[in-house]
Amino acid sequence: MSVTISHKLEGDACTVVTSGEIDVSNASELRRALNEALAAEAVRVEVDMKDVSYIDSTGIGVLVGAARRASEDGKALSVVRPQRNVARVLSLLGVESELGVSQ
């Protein structure tokens, strides 16, 4: 499975754009990108998941861990525009509010 990740910093916000499928084989790439975004000057980090068709528990764990680190650092991390199936998994696992999921 493959994933493409990029990020852009604009003012006090950083958007991490993801596409493809996020699973155990590539979750470290997402972790690295989120760590870089959180280390930047951004106060808000948005993870745009519009083009993510699948995410497994490892990927969700990376998101939750990053959200917790952001909160500890006085920053905010949110997941934006997840596809319906990804949003459903996040909802079923009860992490929607922790990840600030918004359509």
PDB file of N, CA and C in Angstrom:
ATOM      1  N   MET A   1       0.846  -1.179   0.000  1.00  0.00           N
ATOM      2  CA  MET A   1       0.000   0.000   0.000  1.00  0.00           C
ATOM      3  C   MET A   1       0.885   1.233   0.000  1.00  0.00           C
ATOM      4  N   SER A   2       0.415   2.270  -0.644  1.00  0.00           N
ATOM      5  CA  SER A   2       1.250   3.461  -0.719  1.00  0.00           C
ATOM      6  C   SER A   2       0.511   4.687  -0.197  1.00  0.00           C
ATOM      7  N   VAL A   3       1.287   5.636   0.243  1.00  0.00           N
ATOM      8  CA  VAL A   3       0.758   6.888   0.752  1.00  0.00           C
ATOM      9  C   VAL A   3       1.660   8.010   0.242  1.00  0.00           C
ATOM     10  N   THR A   4       1.048   9.149  -0.002  1.00  0.00           N
ATOM     11  CA  THR A   4       1.778  10.350  -0.373  1.00  0.00           C
ATOM     12  C   THR A   4       1.460  11.403   0.676  1.00  0.00           C
ATOM     13  N   ILE A   5       2.496  12.056   1.189  1.00  0.00           N
ATOM     14  CA  ILE A   5       2.303  13.047   2.242  1.00  0.00           C
ATOM     15  C   ILE A   5       3.115  14.290   1.920  1.00  0.00           C
ATOM     16  N   SER A   6       2.468  15.431   2.036  1.00  0.00           N
ATOM     17  CA  SER A   6       3.165  16.701   1.889  1.00  0.00           C
ATOM     18  C   SER A   6       2.622  17.646   2.954  1.00  0.00           C
ATOM     19  N   HIS A   7       3.332  18.717   3.199  1.00  0.00           N
ATOM     20  CA  HIS A   7       2.801  19.690   4.144  1.00  0.00           C
ATOM     21  C   HIS A   7       3.201  21.095   3.715  1.00  0.00           C
ATOM     22  N   LYS A   8       2.352  22.027   4.115  1.00  0.00           N
ATOM     23  CA  LYS A   8       2.635  23.433   3.806  1.00  0.00           C
ATOM     24  C   LYS A   8       2.326  24.273   5.034  1.00  0.00           C
ATOM     25  N   LEU A   9       3.205  25.208   5.287  1.00  0.00           N
ATOM     26  CA  LEU A   9       3.087  26.106   6.422  1.00  0.00           C
ATOM     27  C   LEU A   9       2.604  27.458   5.912  1.00  0.00           C
ATOM     28  N   GLU A  10       1.508  27.934   6.502  1.00  0.00           N
ATOM     29  CA  GLU A  10       0.962  29.246   6.157  1.00  0.00           C
ATOM     30  C   GLU A  10       0.634  29.970   7.448  1.00  0.00           C
ATOM     31  N   GLY A  11       1.430  30.948   7.775  1.00  0.00           N
ATOM     32  CA  GLY A  11       1.211  31.687   9.016  1.00  0.00           C
ATOM     33  C   GLY A  11       1.376  30.784  10.218  1.00  0.00           C
ATOM     34  N   ASP A  12       0.328  30.737  11.057  1.00  0.00           N
ATOM     35  CA  ASP A  12       0.404  29.904  12.259  1.00  0.00           C
ATOM     36  C   ASP A  12      -0.227  28.529  12.064  1.00  0.00           C
ATOM     37  N   ALA A  13      -0.507  28.161  10.805  1.00  0.00           N
ATOM     38  CA  ALA A  13      -1.134  26.868  10.526  1.00  0.00           C
ATOM     39  C   ALA A  13      -0.288  26.044   9.559  1.00  0.00           C
ATOM     40  N   CYS A  14      -0.286  24.749   9.792  1.00  0.00           N
ATOM     41  CA  CYS A  14       0.399  23.821   8.904  1.00  0.00           C
ATOM     42  C   CYS A  14      -0.627  22.780   8.452  1.00  0.00           C
ATOM     43  N   THR A  15      -0.709  22.572   7.158  1.00  0.00           N
ATOM     44  CA  THR A  15      -1.606  21.557   6.619  1.00  0.00           C
ATOM     45  C   THR A  15      -0.774  20.388   6.118  1.00  0.00           C
ATOM     46  N   VAL A  16      -1.093  19.201   6.629  1.00  0.00           N
ATOM     47  CA  VAL A  16      -0.453  17.970   6.190  1.00  0.00           C
ATOM     48  C   VAL A  16      -1.445  17.281   5.266  1.00  0.00           C
ATOM     49  N   VAL A  17      -1.104  17.186   3.988  1.00  0.00           N
ATOM     50  CA  VAL A  17      -1.993  16.614   2.984  1.00  0.00           C
ATOM     51  C   VAL A  17      -1.572  15.170   2.743  1.00  0.00           C
ATOM     52  N   THR A  18      -2.522  14.265   2.913  1.00  0.00           N
ATOM     53  CA  THR A  18      -2.245  12.841   2.755  1.00  0.00           C
ATOM     54  C   THR A  18      -3.123  12.266   1.649  1.00  0.00           C
ATOM     55  N   SER A  19      -2.603  11.257   0.974  1.00  0.00           N
ATOM     56  CA  SER A  19      -3.416  10.556  -0.028  1.00  0.00           C
ATOM     57  C   SER A  19      -2.956   9.115  -0.111  1.00  0.00           C
ATOM     58  N   GLY A  20      -3.872   8.246  -0.473  1.00  0.00           N
ATOM     59  CA  GLY A  20      -3.563   6.829  -0.587  1.00  0.00           C
ATOM     60  C   GLY A  20      -4.125   6.044   0.569  1.00  0.00           C
ATOM     61  N   GLU A  21      -3.389   5.037   0.994  1.00  0.00           N
ATOM     62  CA  GLU A  21      -3.801   4.167   2.085  1.00  0.00           C
ATOM     63  C   GLU A  21      -2.747   4.215   3.180  1.00  0.00           C
ATOM     64  N   ILE A  22      -3.204   4.386   4.419  1.00  0.00           N
ATOM     65  CA  ILE A  22      -2.286   4.469   5.552  1.00  0.00           C
ATOM     66  C   ILE A  22      -2.428   3.192   6.365  1.00  0.00           C
ATOM     67  N   ASP A  23      -1.324   2.469   6.482  1.00  0.00           N
ATOM     68  CA  ASP A  23      -1.339   1.229   7.256  1.00  0.00           C
ATOM     69  C   ASP A  23       0.009   1.031   7.933  1.00  0.00           C
ATOM     70  N   VAL A  24       0.178  -0.121   8.535  1.00  0.00           N
ATOM     71  CA  VAL A  24       1.391  -0.410   9.295  1.00  0.00           C
ATOM     72  C   VAL A  24       2.661  -0.278   8.443  1.00  0.00           C
ATOM     73  N   SER A  25       2.546  -0.507   7.151  1.00  0.00           N
ATOM     74  CA  SER A  25       3.737  -0.462   6.296  1.00  0.00           C
ATOM     75  C   SER A  25       4.239   0.955   6.025  1.00  0.00           C
ATOM     76  N   ASN A  26       3.393   1.960   6.227  1.00  0.00           N
ATOM     77  CA  ASN A  26       3.828   3.324   5.926  1.00  0.00           C
ATOM     78  C   ASN A  26       3.436   4.339   7.005  1.00  0.00           C
ATOM     79  N   ALA A  27       2.942   3.881   8.129  1.00  0.00           N
ATOM     80  CA  ALA A  27       2.539   4.800   9.200  1.00  0.00           C
ATOM     81  C   ALA A  27       3.707   5.641   9.698  1.00  0.00           C
ATOM     82  N   SER A  28       4.920   5.116   9.592  1.00  0.00           N
ATOM     83  CA  SER A  28       6.088   5.885  10.039  1.00  0.00           C
ATOM     84  C   SER A  28       6.268   7.153   9.196  1.00  0.00           C
ATOM     85  N   GLU A  29       5.877   7.112   7.929  1.00  0.00           N
ATOM     86  CA  GLU A  29       5.947   8.307   7.086  1.00  0.00           C
ATOM     87  C   GLU A  29       4.992   9.378   7.600  1.00  0.00           C
ATOM     88  N   LEU A  30       3.788   8.957   7.987  1.00  0.00           N
ATOM     89  CA  LEU A  30       2.811   9.902   8.549  1.00  0.00           C
ATOM     90  C   LEU A  30       3.339  10.448   9.871  1.00  0.00           C
ATOM     91  N   ARG A  31       3.888   9.596  10.708  1.00  0.00           N
ATOM     92  CA  ARG A  31       4.436  10.036  11.997  1.00  0.00           C
ATOM     93  C   ARG A  31       5.534  11.079  11.785  1.00  0.00           C
ATOM     94  N   ARG A  32       6.415  10.823  10.857  1.00  0.00           N
ATOM     95  CA  ARG A  32       7.511  11.751  10.561  1.00  0.00           C
ATOM     96  C   ARG A  32       6.968  13.111  10.099  1.00  0.00           C
ATOM     97  N   ALA A  33       5.991  13.093   9.200  1.00  0.00           N
ATOM     98  CA  ALA A  33       5.406  14.345   8.693  1.00  0.00           C
ATOM     99  C   ALA A  33       4.699  15.116   9.802  1.00  0.00           C
ATOM    100  N   LEU A  34       3.992  14.408  10.667  1.00  0.00           N
ATOM    101  CA  LEU A  34       3.291  15.080  11.765  1.00  0.00           C
ATOM    102  C   LEU A  34       4.280  15.629  12.780  1.00  0.00           C
ATOM    103  N   ASN A  35       5.339  14.895  13.052  1.00  0.00           N
ATOM    104  CA  ASN A  35       6.376  15.400  13.967  1.00  0.00           C
ATOM    105  C   ASN A  35       7.012  16.672  13.420  1.00  0.00           C
ATOM    106  N   GLU A  36       7.284  16.693  12.114  1.00  0.00           N
ATOM    107  CA  GLU A  36       7.850  17.896  11.491  1.00  0.00           C
ATOM    108  C   GLU A  36       6.879  19.069  11.591  1.00  0.00           C
ATOM    109  N   ALA A  37       5.609  18.796  11.335  1.00  0.00           N
ATOM    110  CA  ALA A  37       4.596  19.858  11.405  1.00  0.00           C
ATOM    111  C   ALA A  37       4.482  20.397  12.822  1.00  0.00           C
ATOM    112  N   LEU A  38       4.495  19.512  13.806  1.00  0.00           N
ATOM    113  CA  LEU A  38       4.385  19.954  15.200  1.00  0.00           C
ATOM    114  C   LEU A  38       5.642  20.675  15.673  1.00  0.00           C
ATOM    115  N   ALA A  39       6.785  20.377  15.077  1.00  0.00           N
ATOM    116  CA  ALA A  39       8.024  21.047  15.450  1.00  0.00           C
ATOM    117  C   ALA A  39       8.146  22.431  14.804  1.00  0.00           C
ATOM    118  N   ALA A  40       7.349  22.664  13.777  1.00  0.00           N
ATOM    119  CA  ALA A  40       7.380  23.963  13.088  1.00  0.00           C
ATOM    120  C   ALA A  40       6.740  25.034  13.970  1.00  0.00           C
ATOM    121  N   GLU A  41       6.710  26.229  13.465  1.00  0.00           N
ATOM    122  CA  GLU A  41       6.162  27.351  14.213  1.00  0.00           C
ATOM    123  C   GLU A  41       4.638  27.352  14.267  1.00  0.00           C
ATOM    124  N   ALA A  42       4.019  26.414  13.614  1.00  0.00           N
ATOM    125  CA  ALA A  42       2.559  26.361  13.543  1.00  0.00           C
ATOM    126  C   ALA A  42       1.938  26.124  14.916  1.00  0.00           C
ATOM    127  N   VAL A  43       0.821  26.786  15.141  1.00  0.00           N
ATOM    128  CA  VAL A  43       0.035  26.582  16.353  1.00  0.00           C
ATOM    129  C   VAL A  43      -1.076  25.569  16.070  1.00  0.00           C
ATOM    130  N   ARG A  44      -1.502  25.519  14.812  1.00  0.00           N
ATOM    131  CA  ARG A  44      -2.552  24.588  14.383  1.00  0.00           C
ATOM    132  C   ARG A  44      -2.005  23.682  13.285  1.00  0.00           C
ATOM    133  N   VAL A  45      -2.303  22.404  13.401  1.00  0.00           N
ATOM    134  CA  VAL A  45      -1.937  21.442  12.374  1.00  0.00           C
ATOM    135  C   VAL A  45      -3.221  20.768  11.904  1.00  0.00           C
ATOM    136  N   GLU A  46      -3.475  20.844  10.608  1.00  0.00           N
ATOM    137  CA  GLU A  46      -4.631  20.176  10.019  1.00  0.00           C
ATOM    138  C   GLU A  46      -4.129  19.035   9.146  1.00  0.00           C
ATOM    139  N   VAL A  47      -4.719  17.860   9.327  1.00  0.00           N
ATOM    140  CA  VAL A  47      -4.367  16.702   8.521  1.00  0.00           C
ATOM    141  C   VAL A  47      -5.493  16.512   7.515  1.00  0.00           C
ATOM    142  N   ASP A  48      -5.229  16.871   6.274  1.00  0.00           N
ATOM    143  CA  ASP A  48      -6.235  16.772   5.213  1.00  0.00           C
ATOM    144  C   ASP A  48      -6.248  15.343   4.687  1.00  0.00           C
ATOM    145  N   MET A  49      -7.350  14.641   4.940  1.00  0.00           N
ATOM    146  CA  MET A  49      -7.451  13.229   4.560  1.00  0.00           C
ATOM    147  C   MET A  49      -8.469  13.003   3.448  1.00  0.00           C
ATOM    148  N   LYS A  50      -8.694  14.038   2.652  1.00  0.00           N
ATOM    149  CA  LYS A  50      -9.668  13.954   1.560  1.00  0.00           C
ATOM    150  C   LYS A  50      -9.367  12.797   0.610  1.00  0.00           C
ATOM    151  N   ASP A  51      -8.104  12.515   0.391  1.00  0.00           N
ATOM    152  CA  ASP A  51      -7.711  11.489  -0.574  1.00  0.00           C
ATOM    153  C   ASP A  51      -7.168  10.218   0.072  1.00  0.00           C
ATOM    154  N   VAL A  52      -7.506  10.007   1.347  1.00  0.00           N
ATOM    155  CA  VAL A  52      -7.117   8.768   2.024  1.00  0.00           C
ATOM    156  C   VAL A  52      -8.303   7.809   1.955  1.00  0.00           C
ATOM    157  N   SER A  53      -8.105   6.684   1.277  1.00  0.00           N
ATOM    158  CA  SER A  53      -9.203   5.729   1.100  1.00  0.00           C
ATOM    159  C   SER A  53      -9.248   4.669   2.186  1.00  0.00           C
ATOM    160  N   TYR A  54      -8.159   4.528   2.963  1.00  0.00           N
ATOM    161  CA  TYR A  54      -8.095   3.481   3.985  1.00  0.00           C
ATOM    162  C   TYR A  54      -7.097   3.893   5.052  1.00  0.00           C
ATOM    163  N   ILE A  55      -7.431   3.588   6.303  1.00  0.00           N
ATOM    164  CA  ILE A  55      -6.492   3.780   7.410  1.00  0.00           C
ATOM    165  C   ILE A  55      -6.695   2.639   8.396  1.00  0.00           C
ATOM    166  N   ASP A  56      -5.598   2.045   8.860  1.00  0.00           N
ATOM    167  CA  ASP A  56      -5.712   0.957   9.823  1.00  0.00           C
ATOM    168  C   ASP A  56      -5.435   1.489  11.231  1.00  0.00           C
ATOM    169  N   SER A  57      -5.454   0.584  12.195  1.00  0.00           N
ATOM    170  CA  SER A  57      -5.294   0.991  13.592  1.00  0.00           C
ATOM    171  C   SER A  57      -3.930   1.624  13.866  1.00  0.00           C
ATOM    172  N   THR A  58      -2.909   1.218  13.133  1.00  0.00           N
ATOM    173  CA  THR A  58      -1.584   1.818  13.317  1.00  0.00           C
ATOM    174  C   THR A  58      -1.613   3.288  12.911  1.00  0.00           C
ATOM    175  N   GLY A  59      -2.220   3.573  11.774  1.00  0.00           N
ATOM    176  CA  GLY A  59      -2.346   4.959  11.316  1.00  0.00           C
ATOM    177  C   GLY A  59      -3.167   5.801  12.269  1.00  0.00           C
ATOM    178  N   ILE A  60      -4.243   5.224  12.786  1.00  0.00           N
ATOM    179  CA  ILE A  60      -5.079   5.952  13.741  1.00  0.00           C
ATOM    180  C   ILE A  60      -4.290   6.214  15.019  1.00  0.00           C
ATOM    181  N   GLY A  61      -3.498   5.247  15.435  1.00  0.00           N
ATOM    182  CA  GLY A  61      -2.652   5.448  16.611  1.00  0.00           C
ATOM    183  C   GLY A  61      -1.661   6.583  16.424  1.00  0.00           C
ATOM    184  N   VAL A  62      -1.125   6.707  15.210  1.00  0.00           N
ATOM    185  CA  VAL A  62      -0.204   7.810  14.901  1.00  0.00           C
ATOM    186  C   VAL A  62      -0.939   9.145  15.035  1.00  0.00           C
ATOM    187  N   LEU A  63      -2.157   9.226  14.507  1.00  0.00           N
ATOM    188  CA  LEU A  63      -2.943  10.464  14.597  1.00  0.00           C
ATOM    189  C   LEU A  63      -3.251  10.823  16.047  1.00  0.00           C
ATOM    190  N   VAL A  64      -3.700   9.834  16.826  1.00  0.00           N
ATOM    191  CA  VAL A  64      -4.043  10.082  18.228  1.00  0.00           C
ATOM    192  C   VAL A  64      -2.797  10.513  19.008  1.00  0.00           C
ATOM    193  N   GLY A  65      -1.679   9.850  18.783  1.00  0.00           N
ATOM    194  CA  GLY A  65      -0.437  10.224  19.460  1.00  0.00           C
ATOM    195  C   GLY A  65      -0.017  11.652  19.125  1.00  0.00           C
ATOM    196  N   ALA A  66      -0.145  12.015  17.857  1.00  0.00           N
ATOM    197  CA  ALA A  66       0.208  13.379  17.432  1.00  0.00           C
ATOM    198  C   ALA A  66      -0.738  14.404  18.050  1.00  0.00           C
ATOM    199  N   ALA A  67      -2.023  14.064  18.134  1.00  0.00           N
ATOM    200  CA  ALA A  67      -2.994  14.984  18.746  1.00  0.00           C
ATOM    201  C   ALA A  67      -2.665  15.205  20.217  1.00  0.00           C
ATOM    202  N   ARG A  68      -2.259  14.155  20.889  1.00  0.00           N
ATOM    203  CA  ARG A  68      -1.885  14.285  22.309  1.00  0.00           C
ATOM    204  C   ARG A  68      -0.626  15.119  22.479  1.00  0.00           C
ATOM    205  N   ARG A  69       0.372  14.893  21.622  1.00  0.00           N
ATOM    206  CA  ARG A  69       1.594  15.703  21.681  1.00  0.00           C
ATOM    207  C   ARG A  69       1.279  17.170  21.407  1.00  0.00           C
ATOM    208  N   ALA A  70       0.422  17.408  20.425  1.00  0.00           N
ATOM    209  CA  ALA A  70       0.042  18.786  20.097  1.00  0.00           C
ATOM    210  C   ALA A  70      -0.594  19.455  21.313  1.00  0.00           C
ATOM    211  N   SER A  71      -1.510  18.754  21.951  1.00  0.00           N
ATOM    212  CA  SER A  71      -2.193  19.309  23.123  1.00  0.00           C
ATOM    213  C   SER A  71      -1.201  19.611  24.247  1.00  0.00           C
ATOM    214  N   GLU A  72      -0.269  18.718  24.466  1.00  0.00           N
ATOM    215  CA  GLU A  72       0.752  18.934  25.502  1.00  0.00           C
ATOM    216  C   GLU A  72       1.617  20.151  25.207  1.00  0.00           C
ATOM    217  N   ASP A  73       1.790  20.456  23.922  1.00  0.00           N
ATOM    218  CA  ASP A  73       2.610  21.594  23.511  1.00  0.00           C
ATOM    219  C   ASP A  73       1.793  22.872  23.319  1.00  0.00           C
ATOM    220  N   GLY A  74       0.513  22.844  23.678  1.00  0.00           N
ATOM    221  CA  GLY A  74      -0.341  24.016  23.529  1.00  0.00           C
ATOM    222  C   GLY A  74      -0.742  24.275  22.093  1.00  0.00           C
ATOM    223  N   LYS A  75      -0.709  23.241  21.278  1.00  0.00           N
ATOM    224  CA  LYS A  75      -1.085  23.355  19.874  1.00  0.00           C
ATOM    225  C   LYS A  75      -2.361  22.552  19.638  1.00  0.00           C
ATOM    226  N   ALA A  76      -2.906  22.670  18.445  1.00  0.00           N
ATOM    227  CA  ALA A  76      -4.114  21.916  18.101  1.00  0.00           C
ATOM    228  C   ALA A  76      -3.859  21.115  16.840  1.00  0.00           C
ATOM    229  N   LEU A  77      -4.321  19.886  16.832  1.00  0.00           N
ATOM    230  CA  LEU A  77      -4.245  19.038  15.651  1.00  0.00           C
ATOM    231  C   LEU A  77      -5.648  18.573  15.329  1.00  0.00           C
ATOM    232  N   SER A  78      -6.018  18.667  14.059  1.00  0.00           N
ATOM    233  CA  SER A  78      -7.345  18.204  13.653  1.00  0.00           C
ATOM    234  C   SER A  78      -7.262  17.471  12.324  1.00  0.00           C
ATOM    235  N   VAL A  79      -8.192  16.557  12.134  1.00  0.00           N
ATOM    236  CA  VAL A  79      -8.330  15.814  10.885  1.00  0.00           C
ATOM    237  C   VAL A  79      -9.465  16.457  10.111  1.00  0.00           C
ATOM    238  N   VAL A  80      -9.190  16.846   8.868  1.00  0.00           N
ATOM    239  CA  VAL A  80     -10.213  17.509   8.064  1.00  0.00           C
ATOM    240  C   VAL A  80     -10.507  16.722   6.793  1.00  0.00           C
ATOM    241  N   ARG A  81     -11.733  16.788   6.369  1.00  0.00           N
ATOM    242  CA  ARG A  81     -12.252  16.214   5.125  1.00  0.00           C
ATOM    243  C   ARG A  81     -11.963  14.721   4.927  1.00  0.00           C
ATOM    244  N   PRO A  82     -12.145  13.892   5.977  1.00  0.00           N
ATOM    245  CA  PRO A  82     -11.918  12.461   5.755  1.00  0.00           C
ATOM    246  C   PRO A  82     -13.007  11.878   4.862  1.00  0.00           C
ATOM    247  N   GLN A  83     -12.646  10.898   4.060  1.00  0.00           N
ATOM    248  CA  GLN A  83     -13.642  10.196   3.264  1.00  0.00           C
ATOM    249  C   GLN A  83     -14.610   9.490   4.209  1.00  0.00           C
ATOM    250  N   ARG A  84     -15.787   9.193   3.705  1.00  0.00           N
ATOM    251  CA  ARG A  84     -16.850   8.630   4.531  1.00  0.00           C
ATOM    252  C   ARG A  84     -16.394   7.378   5.288  1.00  0.00           C
ATOM    253  N   ASN A  85     -15.718   6.453   4.618  1.00  0.00           N
ATOM    254  CA  ASN A  85     -15.306   5.218   5.285  1.00  0.00           C
ATOM    255  C   ASN A  85     -14.257   5.477   6.362  1.00  0.00           C
ATOM    256  N   VAL A  86     -13.368   6.422   6.145  1.00  0.00           N
ATOM    257  CA  VAL A  86     -12.357   6.763   7.144  1.00  0.00           C
ATOM    258  C   VAL A  86     -13.035   7.447   8.336  1.00  0.00           C
ATOM    259  N   ALA A  87     -13.954   8.368   8.061  1.00  0.00           N
ATOM    260  CA  ALA A  87     -14.690   9.046   9.134  1.00  0.00           C
ATOM    261  C   ALA A  87     -15.472   8.037   9.973  1.00  0.00           C
ATOM    262  N   ARG A  88     -16.029   7.036   9.324  1.00  0.00           N
ATOM    263  CA  ARG A  88     -16.801   6.014  10.029  1.00  0.00           C
ATOM    264  C   ARG A  88     -15.905   5.227  10.988  1.00  0.00           C
ATOM    265  N   VAL A  89     -14.715   4.846  10.547  1.00  0.00           N
ATOM    266  CA  VAL A  89     -13.782   4.116  11.407  1.00  0.00           C
ATOM    267  C   VAL A  89     -13.388   4.981  12.605  1.00  0.00           C
ATOM    268  N   LEU A  90     -13.096   6.248  12.376  1.00  0.00           N
ATOM    269  CA  LEU A  90     -12.727   7.146  13.468  1.00  0.00           C
ATOM    270  C   LEU A  90     -13.867   7.274  14.465  1.00  0.00           C
ATOM    271  N   SER A  91     -15.088   7.327  13.954  1.00  0.00           N
ATOM    272  CA  SER A  91     -16.262   7.415  14.810  1.00  0.00           C
ATOM    273  C   SER A  91     -16.462   6.136  15.615  1.00  0.00           C
ATOM    274  N   LEU A  92     -16.345   4.992  14.948  1.00  0.00           N
ATOM    275  CA  LEU A  92     -16.528   3.707  15.632  1.00  0.00           C
ATOM    276  C   LEU A  92     -15.509   3.505  16.750  1.00  0.00           C
ATOM    277  N   LEU A  93     -14.312   4.020  16.550  1.00  0.00           N
ATOM    278  CA  LEU A  93     -13.263   3.891  17.561  1.00  0.00           C
ATOM    279  C   LEU A  93     -13.358   4.967  18.643  1.00  0.00           C
ATOM    280  N   GLY A  94     -14.248   5.941  18.450  1.00  0.00           N
ATOM    281  CA  GLY A  94     -14.463   6.973  19.452  1.00  0.00           C
ATOM    282  C   GLY A  94     -13.358   8.006  19.556  1.00  0.00           C
ATOM    283  N   VAL A  95     -12.638   8.244  18.459  1.00  0.00           N
ATOM    284  CA  VAL A  95     -11.545   9.221  18.506  1.00  0.00           C
ATOM    285  C   VAL A  95     -11.862  10.501  17.732  1.00  0.00           C
ATOM    286  N   GLU A  96     -13.089  10.620  17.252  1.00  0.00           N
ATOM    287  CA  GLU A  96     -13.480  11.811  16.477  1.00  0.00           C
ATOM    288  C   GLU A  96     -13.220  13.112  17.224  1.00  0.00           C
ATOM    289  N   SER A  97     -13.662  13.178  18.468  1.00  0.00           N
ATOM    290  CA  SER A  97     -13.502  14.437  19.195  1.00  0.00           C
ATOM    291  C   SER A  97     -12.049  14.703  19.548  1.00  0.00           C
ATOM    292  N   GLU A  98     -11.299  13.659  19.882  1.00  0.00           N
ATOM    293  CA  GLU A  98      -9.885  13.834  20.197  1.00  0.00           C
ATOM    294  C   GLU A  98      -9.098  14.333  18.981  1.00  0.00           C
ATOM    295  N   LEU A  99      -9.551  13.935  17.797  1.00  0.00           N
ATOM    296  CA  LEU A  99      -8.878  14.339  16.566  1.00  0.00           C
ATOM    297  C   LEU A  99      -9.510  15.565  15.927  1.00  0.00           C
ATOM    298  N   GLY A 100     -10.539  16.116  16.550  1.00  0.00           N
ATOM    299  CA  GLY A 100     -11.178  17.320  16.013  1.00  0.00           C
ATOM    300  C   GLY A 100     -11.648  17.137  14.585  1.00  0.00           C
ATOM    301  N   VAL A 101     -12.228  15.987  14.290  1.00  0.00           N
ATOM    302  CA  VAL A 101     -12.626  15.654  12.914  1.00  0.00           C
ATOM    303  C   VAL A 101     -13.698  16.619  12.413  1.00  0.00           C
ATOM    304  N   SER A 102     -13.467  17.151  11.221  1.00  0.00           N
ATOM    305  CA  SER A 102     -14.472  18.009  10.586  1.00  0.00           C
ATOM    306  C   SER A 102     -14.531  17.686   9.094  1.00  0.00           C
ATOM    307  N   GLN A 103     -15.706  17.761   8.580  1.00  0.00           N
ATOM    308  CA  GLN A 103     -15.936  17.485   7.172  1.00  0.00           C
ATOM    309  C   GLN A 103     -15.657  18.746   6.420  1.00  0.00           C
TER     310      GLN A 103
END
